[in-house]
Amino acid sequence: HNRVLSLTGNAEGKNPFHLLRDNDIATEDDLLQESLSTGRSGLSQQIYFSRMFTSFWLKKYNKAAEFAAQFRNAGRISMRFIDIYCTFYEGLAVFHLARCSTDKVIKSKWMDIGEKSVDRFKVWQEHSSWNFENKLYLLQAECHRCAGENDNADAKYLAAIESARRHRLLHEEGLAMELYASFLEETGESEKSKTRLSLAIECYEKWGATAVVKLLHN
């Protein structure tokens, strides 16, 4: 509920917790504390995932990485939906943080987490290329970008876009377009970057992520 409200730009002033019958739970923080105190790791992970997901899409990458780490520490990682998507968004977030870091130790820490995300998706995509191929390509593109391997990065971005489009994953096509646009701007191809960013915005508009579109326009 909160994820949808945040991405559509309608979260302000909305509190879904008034629907709960437990009068001791008035906020998401209350629900999180209750889940932690009672050992309900699944619920704790759902909350951390929700916060990570929203933080990632609103470009708060430090917070996204923080919530992803809390997600991992709260319980097991297997091949559940939230495990897969937490690994995906965490990988993209930490590769972004690695690029922005001037501290070699911190950059190495972020790269290690990101490379582990790539390794997991190499295994997962063998189970379902339809769902996971584009995610693996995008993580690999970001990894190559961090390593300064621009030709490899360019090829993987294009592969991620094509795979997401072919598998009808609209928001992930938009995400791949957005990150490719950022890469092109970084490598001095401003006009191509603008074209790709416009295509990313079109995908997000179709997806209904009004808040994300506003961020990109700004």
C-alpha atoms as a PDB file:
ATOM      1  CA  HIS A   1       0.000   0.000   0.000  1.00  0.00           C
ATOM      2  CA  ASN A   2       2.694   2.483   1.025  1.00  0.00           C
ATOM      3  CA  ARG A   3       4.897   1.521  -1.940  1.00  0.00           C
ATOM      4  CA  VAL A   4       2.116   2.259  -4.408  1.00  0.00           C
ATOM      5  CA  LEU A   5       1.246   5.569  -2.740  1.00  0.00           C
ATOM      6  CA  SER A   6       4.900   6.657  -2.718  1.00  0.00           C
ATOM      7  CA  LEU A   7       5.602   5.865  -6.356  1.00  0.00           C
ATOM      8  CA  THR A   8       2.394   7.485  -7.566  1.00  0.00           C
ATOM      9  CA  GLY A   9       3.144  10.588  -5.489  1.00  0.00           C
ATOM     10  CA  ASN A  10       0.109  10.185  -3.229  1.00  0.00           C
ATOM     11  CA  ALA A  11       1.668   9.105   0.094  1.00  0.00           C
ATOM     12  CA  GLU A  12       1.478  12.422   1.947  1.00  0.00           C
ATOM     13  CA  GLY A  13      -0.995  12.363   4.815  1.00  0.00           C
ATOM     14  CA  LYS A  14      -2.068   8.765   4.177  1.00  0.00           C
ATOM     15  CA  ASN A  15      -1.947   6.248   7.043  1.00  0.00           C
ATOM     16  CA  PRO A  16      -3.140   2.710   6.271  1.00  0.00           C
ATOM     17  CA  PHE A  17      -2.660   1.573   9.862  1.00  0.00           C
ATOM     18  CA  HIS A  18      -5.985   2.961  11.029  1.00  0.00           C
ATOM     19  CA  LEU A  19      -7.453  -0.129   9.370  1.00  0.00           C
ATOM     20  CA  LEU A  20      -5.775  -2.438  11.885  1.00  0.00           C
ATOM     21  CA  ARG A  21      -7.806  -3.550  14.891  1.00  0.00           C
ATOM     22  CA  ASP A  22      -4.770  -3.619  17.187  1.00  0.00           C
ATOM     23  CA  ASN A  23      -4.813  -0.209  18.866  1.00  0.00           C
ATOM     24  CA  ASP A  24      -1.132  -0.579  19.831  1.00  0.00           C
ATOM     25  CA  ILE A  25      -0.085  -0.434  16.169  1.00  0.00           C
ATOM     26  CA  ALA A  26      -0.529   3.041  14.768  1.00  0.00           C
ATOM     27  CA  THR A  27       2.468   3.278  12.441  1.00  0.00           C
ATOM     28  CA  GLU A  28       4.749   1.087  10.361  1.00  0.00           C
ATOM     29  CA  ASP A  29       7.459   1.561  13.010  1.00  0.00           C
ATOM     30  CA  ASP A  30       5.086   0.081  15.601  1.00  0.00           C
ATOM     31  CA  LEU A  31       4.439  -2.883  13.330  1.00  0.00           C
ATOM     32  CA  LEU A  32       8.168  -3.386  12.761  1.00  0.00           C
ATOM     33  CA  GLN A  33       8.953  -3.293  16.471  1.00  0.00           C
ATOM     34  CA  GLU A  34       6.149  -5.762  17.157  1.00  0.00           C
ATOM     35  CA  SER A  35       7.478  -8.138  14.496  1.00  0.00           C
ATOM     36  CA  LEU A  36      11.033  -7.912  15.830  1.00  0.00           C
ATOM     37  CA  SER A  37       9.992  -8.465  19.441  1.00  0.00           C
ATOM     38  CA  THR A  38       7.898 -11.515  18.561  1.00  0.00           C
ATOM     39  CA  GLY A  39      10.421 -13.060  16.174  1.00  0.00           C
ATOM     40  CA  ARG A  40       8.206 -12.735  13.103  1.00  0.00           C
ATOM     41  CA  SER A  41      11.114 -12.478  10.679  1.00  0.00           C
ATOM     42  CA  GLY A  42       8.912 -12.771   7.597  1.00  0.00           C
ATOM     43  CA  LEU A  43       6.966  -9.659   8.568  1.00  0.00           C
ATOM     44  CA  SER A  44      10.150  -7.777   9.460  1.00  0.00           C
ATOM     45  CA  GLN A  45      11.598  -8.608   6.060  1.00  0.00           C
ATOM     46  CA  GLN A  46       8.425  -7.456   4.315  1.00  0.00           C
ATOM     47  CA  ILE A  47       8.735  -4.073   6.008  1.00  0.00           C
ATOM     48  CA  TYR A  48      12.444  -3.714   5.261  1.00  0.00           C
ATOM     49  CA  PHE A  49      11.796  -4.726   1.661  1.00  0.00           C
ATOM     50  CA  SER A  50       9.032  -2.157   1.317  1.00  0.00           C
ATOM     51  CA  ARG A  51      11.311   0.563   2.640  1.00  0.00           C
ATOM     52  CA  MET A  52      14.192  -0.551   0.433  1.00  0.00           C
ATOM     53  CA  PHE A  53      11.985  -0.665  -2.666  1.00  0.00           C
ATOM     54  CA  THR A  54      10.596   2.828  -2.111  1.00  0.00           C
ATOM     55  CA  SER A  55      14.015   4.289  -1.250  1.00  0.00           C
ATOM     56  CA  PHE A  56      15.551   2.823  -4.405  1.00  0.00           C
ATOM     57  CA  TRP A  57      12.938   4.207  -6.774  1.00  0.00           C
ATOM     58  CA  LEU A  58      13.085   7.631  -5.114  1.00  0.00           C
ATOM     59  CA  LYS A  59      16.886   7.663  -5.661  1.00  0.00           C
ATOM     60  CA  LYS A  60      17.785   7.384  -1.964  1.00  0.00           C
ATOM     61  CA  TYR A  61      20.464   4.792  -2.592  1.00  0.00           C
ATOM     62  CA  ASN A  62      22.180   4.941   0.801  1.00  0.00           C
ATOM     63  CA  LYS A  63      18.864   4.250   2.518  1.00  0.00           C
ATOM     64  CA  ALA A  64      18.067   1.500   0.014  1.00  0.00           C
ATOM     65  CA  ALA A  65      21.373  -0.229   0.812  1.00  0.00           C
ATOM     66  CA  GLU A  66      20.753   0.184   4.541  1.00  0.00           C
ATOM     67  CA  PHE A  67      17.289  -1.369   4.381  1.00  0.00           C
ATOM     68  CA  ALA A  68      18.547  -4.181   2.138  1.00  0.00           C
ATOM     69  CA  ALA A  69      21.205  -5.052   4.719  1.00  0.00           C
ATOM     70  CA  GLN A  70      18.547  -5.075   7.455  1.00  0.00           C
ATOM     71  CA  PHE A  71      16.423  -7.332   5.254  1.00  0.00           C
ATOM     72  CA  ARG A  72      19.282  -9.818   4.912  1.00  0.00           C
ATOM     73  CA  ASN A  73      20.061  -9.708   8.620  1.00  0.00           C
ATOM     74  CA  ALA A  74      16.419 -10.263   9.590  1.00  0.00           C
ATOM     75  CA  GLY A  75      16.063 -13.752   8.110  1.00  0.00           C
ATOM     76  CA  ARG A  76      17.035 -16.293   5.499  1.00  0.00           C
ATOM     77  CA  ILE A  77      17.651 -15.567   1.808  1.00  0.00           C
ATOM     78  CA  SER A  78      16.353 -18.159  -0.623  1.00  0.00           C
ATOM     79  CA  MET A  79      14.452 -17.676  -3.874  1.00  0.00           C
ATOM     80  CA  ARG A  80      11.286 -15.986  -2.690  1.00  0.00           C
ATOM     81  CA  PHE A  81       9.913 -13.027  -4.621  1.00  0.00           C
ATOM     82  CA  ILE A  82      11.184 -10.538  -2.041  1.00  0.00           C
ATOM     83  CA  ASP A  83      14.623 -12.203  -1.896  1.00  0.00           C
ATOM     84  CA  ILE A  84      15.012 -11.876  -5.654  1.00  0.00           C
ATOM     85  CA  TYR A  85      13.902  -8.280  -5.852  1.00  0.00           C
ATOM     86  CA  CYS A  86      15.823  -7.225  -2.762  1.00  0.00           C
ATOM     87  CA  THR A  87      18.977  -8.713  -4.300  1.00  0.00           C
ATOM     88  CA  PHE A  88      18.278  -6.918  -7.593  1.00  0.00           C
ATOM     89  CA  TYR A  89      17.651  -3.459  -6.181  1.00  0.00           C
ATOM     90  CA  GLU A  90      20.400  -3.766  -3.587  1.00  0.00           C
ATOM     91  CA  GLY A  91      22.876  -4.671  -6.323  1.00  0.00           C
ATOM     92  CA  LEU A  92      21.927  -1.651  -8.411  1.00  0.00           C
ATOM     93  CA  ALA A  93      22.002   0.641  -5.369  1.00  0.00           C
ATOM     94  CA  VAL A  94      25.456  -0.457  -4.221  1.00  0.00           C
ATOM     95  CA  PHE A  95      26.927  -0.207  -7.717  1.00  0.00           C
ATOM     96  CA  HIS A  96      25.686   3.401  -7.763  1.00  0.00           C
ATOM     97  CA  LEU A  97      27.261   4.005  -4.348  1.00  0.00           C
ATOM     98  CA  ALA A  98      30.516   2.400  -5.508  1.00  0.00           C
ATOM     99  CA  ARG A  99      30.693   4.787  -8.479  1.00  0.00           C
ATOM    100  CA  CYS A 100      30.155   7.765  -6.201  1.00  0.00           C
ATOM    101  CA  SER A 101      32.688   6.708  -3.570  1.00  0.00           C
ATOM    102  CA  THR A 102      36.211   8.145  -3.440  1.00  0.00           C
ATOM    103  CA  ASP A 103      37.211   5.873  -0.542  1.00  0.00           C
ATOM    104  CA  LYS A 104      38.789   2.670  -1.856  1.00  0.00           C
ATOM    105  CA  VAL A 105      37.752   0.598   1.165  1.00  0.00           C
ATOM    106  CA  ILE A 106      34.126   1.707   0.999  1.00  0.00           C
ATOM    107  CA  LYS A 107      34.036   1.266  -2.775  1.00  0.00           C
ATOM    108  CA  SER A 108      35.404  -2.255  -2.389  1.00  0.00           C
ATOM    109  CA  LYS A 109      32.690  -3.043   0.163  1.00  0.00           C
ATOM    110  CA  TRP A 110      29.934  -1.898  -2.199  1.00  0.00           C
ATOM    111  CA  MET A 111      31.467  -3.759  -5.137  1.00  0.00           C
ATOM    112  CA  ASP A 112      31.637  -6.978  -3.134  1.00  0.00           C
ATOM    113  CA  ILE A 113      27.911  -6.792  -2.352  1.00  0.00           C
ATOM    114  CA  GLY A 114      27.089  -5.941  -5.968  1.00  0.00           C
ATOM    115  CA  GLU A 115      29.173  -8.790  -7.363  1.00  0.00           C
ATOM    116  CA  LYS A 116      27.395 -11.222  -5.034  1.00  0.00           C
ATOM    117  CA  SER A 117      24.096  -9.998  -6.489  1.00  0.00           C
ATOM    118  CA  VAL A 118      25.408 -10.744  -9.989  1.00  0.00           C
ATOM    119  CA  ASP A 119      26.457 -14.234  -8.909  1.00  0.00           C
ATOM    120  CA  ARG A 120      23.017 -14.986  -7.456  1.00  0.00           C
ATOM    121  CA  PHE A 121      21.274 -13.916 -10.647  1.00  0.00           C
ATOM    122  CA  LYS A 122      23.562 -16.093 -12.741  1.00  0.00           C
ATOM    123  CA  VAL A 123      22.067 -19.028 -10.845  1.00  0.00           C
ATOM    124  CA  TRP A 124      18.499 -17.743 -10.736  1.00  0.00           C
ATOM    125  CA  GLN A 125      18.252 -16.945 -14.441  1.00  0.00           C
ATOM    126  CA  GLU A 126      18.899 -20.615 -15.167  1.00  0.00           C
ATOM    127  CA  HIS A 127      15.553 -21.325 -13.502  1.00  0.00           C
ATOM    128  CA  SER A 128      13.668 -18.651 -15.450  1.00  0.00           C
ATOM    129  CA  SER A 129      15.319 -16.539 -18.122  1.00  0.00           C
ATOM    130  CA  TRP A 130      11.957 -14.849 -18.710  1.00  0.00           C
ATOM    131  CA  ASN A 131      11.940 -13.318 -15.242  1.00  0.00           C
ATOM    132  CA  PHE A 132      15.627 -12.936 -14.472  1.00  0.00           C
ATOM    133  CA  GLU A 133      17.632 -12.517 -17.679  1.00  0.00           C
ATOM    134  CA  ASN A 134      17.121  -8.763 -17.971  1.00  0.00           C
ATOM    135  CA  LYS A 135      17.976  -8.252 -14.306  1.00  0.00           C
ATOM    136  CA  LEU A 136      21.239 -10.149 -14.679  1.00  0.00           C
ATOM    137  CA  TYR A 137      22.176  -8.114 -17.764  1.00  0.00           C
ATOM    138  CA  LEU A 138      21.456  -4.829 -15.989  1.00  0.00           C
ATOM    139  CA  LEU A 139      23.483  -5.795 -12.922  1.00  0.00           C
ATOM    140  CA  GLN A 140      26.344  -6.854 -15.195  1.00  0.00           C
ATOM    141  CA  ALA A 141      26.123  -3.545 -17.061  1.00  0.00           C
ATOM    142  CA  GLU A 142      26.466  -1.613 -13.816  1.00  0.00           C
ATOM    143  CA  CYS A 143      29.338  -3.835 -12.687  1.00  0.00           C
ATOM    144  CA  HIS A 144      31.214  -3.260 -15.959  1.00  0.00           C
ATOM    145  CA  ARG A 145      30.519   0.472 -15.675  1.00  0.00           C
ATOM    146  CA  CYS A 146      32.057   0.577 -12.192  1.00  0.00           C
ATOM    147  CA  ALA A 147      35.127  -1.243 -13.523  1.00  0.00           C
ATOM    148  CA  GLY A 148      35.522   1.229 -16.405  1.00  0.00           C
ATOM    149  CA  GLU A 149      34.734  -1.485 -18.975  1.00  0.00           C
ATOM    150  CA  ASN A 150      32.583   0.793 -21.104  1.00  0.00           C
ATOM    151  CA  ASP A 151      32.202  -1.375 -24.206  1.00  0.00           C
ATOM    152  CA  ASN A 152      31.007  -4.317 -22.132  1.00  0.00           C
ATOM    153  CA  ALA A 153      28.729  -2.047 -20.117  1.00  0.00           C
ATOM    154  CA  ASP A 154      27.163  -0.594 -23.272  1.00  0.00           C
ATOM    155  CA  ALA A 155      26.436  -4.067 -24.668  1.00  0.00           C
ATOM    156  CA  LYS A 156      24.862  -5.262 -21.416  1.00  0.00           C
ATOM    157  CA  TYR A 157      22.648  -2.163 -21.091  1.00  0.00           C
ATOM    158  CA  LEU A 158      21.286  -2.773 -24.581  1.00  0.00           C
ATOM    159  CA  ALA A 159      20.779  -6.457 -23.789  1.00  0.00           C
ATOM    160  CA  ALA A 160      18.913  -5.571 -20.578  1.00  0.00           C
ATOM    161  CA  ILE A 161      16.618  -3.159 -22.423  1.00  0.00           C
ATOM    162  CA  GLU A 162      15.860  -5.661 -25.167  1.00  0.00           C
ATOM    163  CA  SER A 163      15.254  -8.499 -22.693  1.00  0.00           C
ATOM    164  CA  ALA A 164      12.939  -6.429 -20.486  1.00  0.00           C
ATOM    165  CA  ARG A 165      10.960  -5.307 -23.548  1.00  0.00           C
ATOM    166  CA  ARG A 166      10.739  -8.833 -24.950  1.00  0.00           C
ATOM    167  CA  HIS A 167       9.531 -10.174 -21.608  1.00  0.00           C
ATOM    168  CA  ARG A 168       7.084  -7.279 -21.157  1.00  0.00           C
ATOM    169  CA  LEU A 169       8.644  -5.967 -17.929  1.00  0.00           C
ATOM    170  CA  LEU A 170       7.744  -2.332 -18.536  1.00  0.00           C
ATOM    171  CA  HIS A 171       9.147  -0.739 -15.384  1.00  0.00           C
ATOM    172  CA  GLU A 172      12.413  -2.663 -15.721  1.00  0.00           C
ATOM    173  CA  GLU A 173      12.722  -1.581 -19.339  1.00  0.00           C
ATOM    174  CA  GLY A 174      12.351   1.974 -18.064  1.00  0.00           C
ATOM    175  CA  LEU A 175      14.951   1.376 -15.364  1.00  0.00           C
ATOM    176  CA  ALA A 176      17.443  -0.044 -17.858  1.00  0.00           C
ATOM    177  CA  MET A 177      16.791   2.941 -20.161  1.00  0.00           C
ATOM    178  CA  GLU A 178      17.335   5.352 -17.268  1.00  0.00           C
ATOM    179  CA  LEU A 179      20.618   3.797 -16.183  1.00  0.00           C
ATOM    180  CA  TYR A 180      21.794   3.584 -19.791  1.00  0.00           C
ATOM    181  CA  ALA A 181      20.988   7.278 -20.201  1.00  0.00           C
ATOM    182  CA  SER A 182      23.093   8.047 -17.143  1.00  0.00           C
ATOM    183  CA  PHE A 183      25.938   5.963 -18.550  1.00  0.00           C
ATOM    184  CA  LEU A 184      25.756   7.725 -21.922  1.00  0.00           C
ATOM    185  CA  GLU A 185      25.818  11.140 -20.244  1.00  0.00           C
ATOM    186  CA  GLU A 186      28.828  10.036 -18.236  1.00  0.00           C
ATOM    187  CA  THR A 187      30.674   8.913 -21.369  1.00  0.00           C
ATOM    188  CA  GLY A 188      30.000  12.153 -23.241  1.00  0.00           C
ATOM    189  CA  GLU A 189      27.089  11.094 -25.458  1.00  0.00           C
ATOM    190  CA  SER A 190      24.601  13.709 -24.296  1.00  0.00           C
ATOM    191  CA  GLU A 191      22.186  13.587 -27.231  1.00  0.00           C
ATOM    192  CA  LYS A 192      21.838   9.802 -27.057  1.00  0.00           C
ATOM    193  CA  SER A 193      21.413  10.139 -23.302  1.00  0.00           C
ATOM    194  CA  LYS A 194      18.490  12.550 -23.701  1.00  0.00           C
ATOM    195  CA  THR A 195      16.766  10.163 -26.114  1.00  0.00           C
ATOM    196  CA  ARG A 196      17.125   7.212 -23.748  1.00  0.00           C
ATOM    197  CA  LEU A 197      15.945   9.259 -20.778  1.00  0.00           C
ATOM    198  CA  SER A 198      12.824  10.292 -22.696  1.00  0.00           C
ATOM    199  CA  LEU A 199      12.112   6.623 -23.419  1.00  0.00           C
ATOM    200  CA  ALA A 200      12.599   5.776 -19.747  1.00  0.00           C
ATOM    201  CA  ILE A 201      10.085   8.457 -18.772  1.00  0.00           C
ATOM    202  CA  GLU A 202       7.576   7.043 -21.270  1.00  0.00           C
ATOM    203  CA  CYS A 203       7.887   3.629 -19.619  1.00  0.00           C
ATOM    204  CA  TYR A 204       7.443   5.089 -16.145  1.00  0.00           C
ATOM    205  CA  GLU A 205       4.418   7.103 -17.221  1.00  0.00           C
ATOM    206  CA  LYS A 206       2.788   3.941 -18.579  1.00  0.00           C
ATOM    207  CA  TRP A 207       3.695   2.175 -15.330  1.00  0.00           C
ATOM    208  CA  GLY A 208       1.996   4.950 -13.349  1.00  0.00           C
ATOM    209  CA  ALA A 209       5.065   5.991 -11.327  1.00  0.00           C
ATOM    210  CA  THR A 210       4.299   9.712 -11.246  1.00  0.00           C
ATOM    211  CA  ALA A 211       6.773  10.448  -8.443  1.00  0.00           C
ATOM    212  CA  VAL A 212       9.611   8.800 -10.372  1.00  0.00           C
ATOM    213  CA  VAL A 213       8.729  10.796 -13.511  1.00  0.00           C
ATOM    214  CA  LYS A 214       8.812  14.036 -11.501  1.00  0.00           C
ATOM    215  CA  LEU A 215      12.245  13.189 -10.136  1.00  0.00           C
ATOM    216  CA  LEU A 216      13.611  12.618 -13.625  1.00  0.00           C
ATOM    217  CA  HIS A 217      12.092  15.817 -14.963  1.00  0.00           C
ATOM    218  CA  ASN A 218      13.708  17.739 -12.112  1.00  0.00           C
END
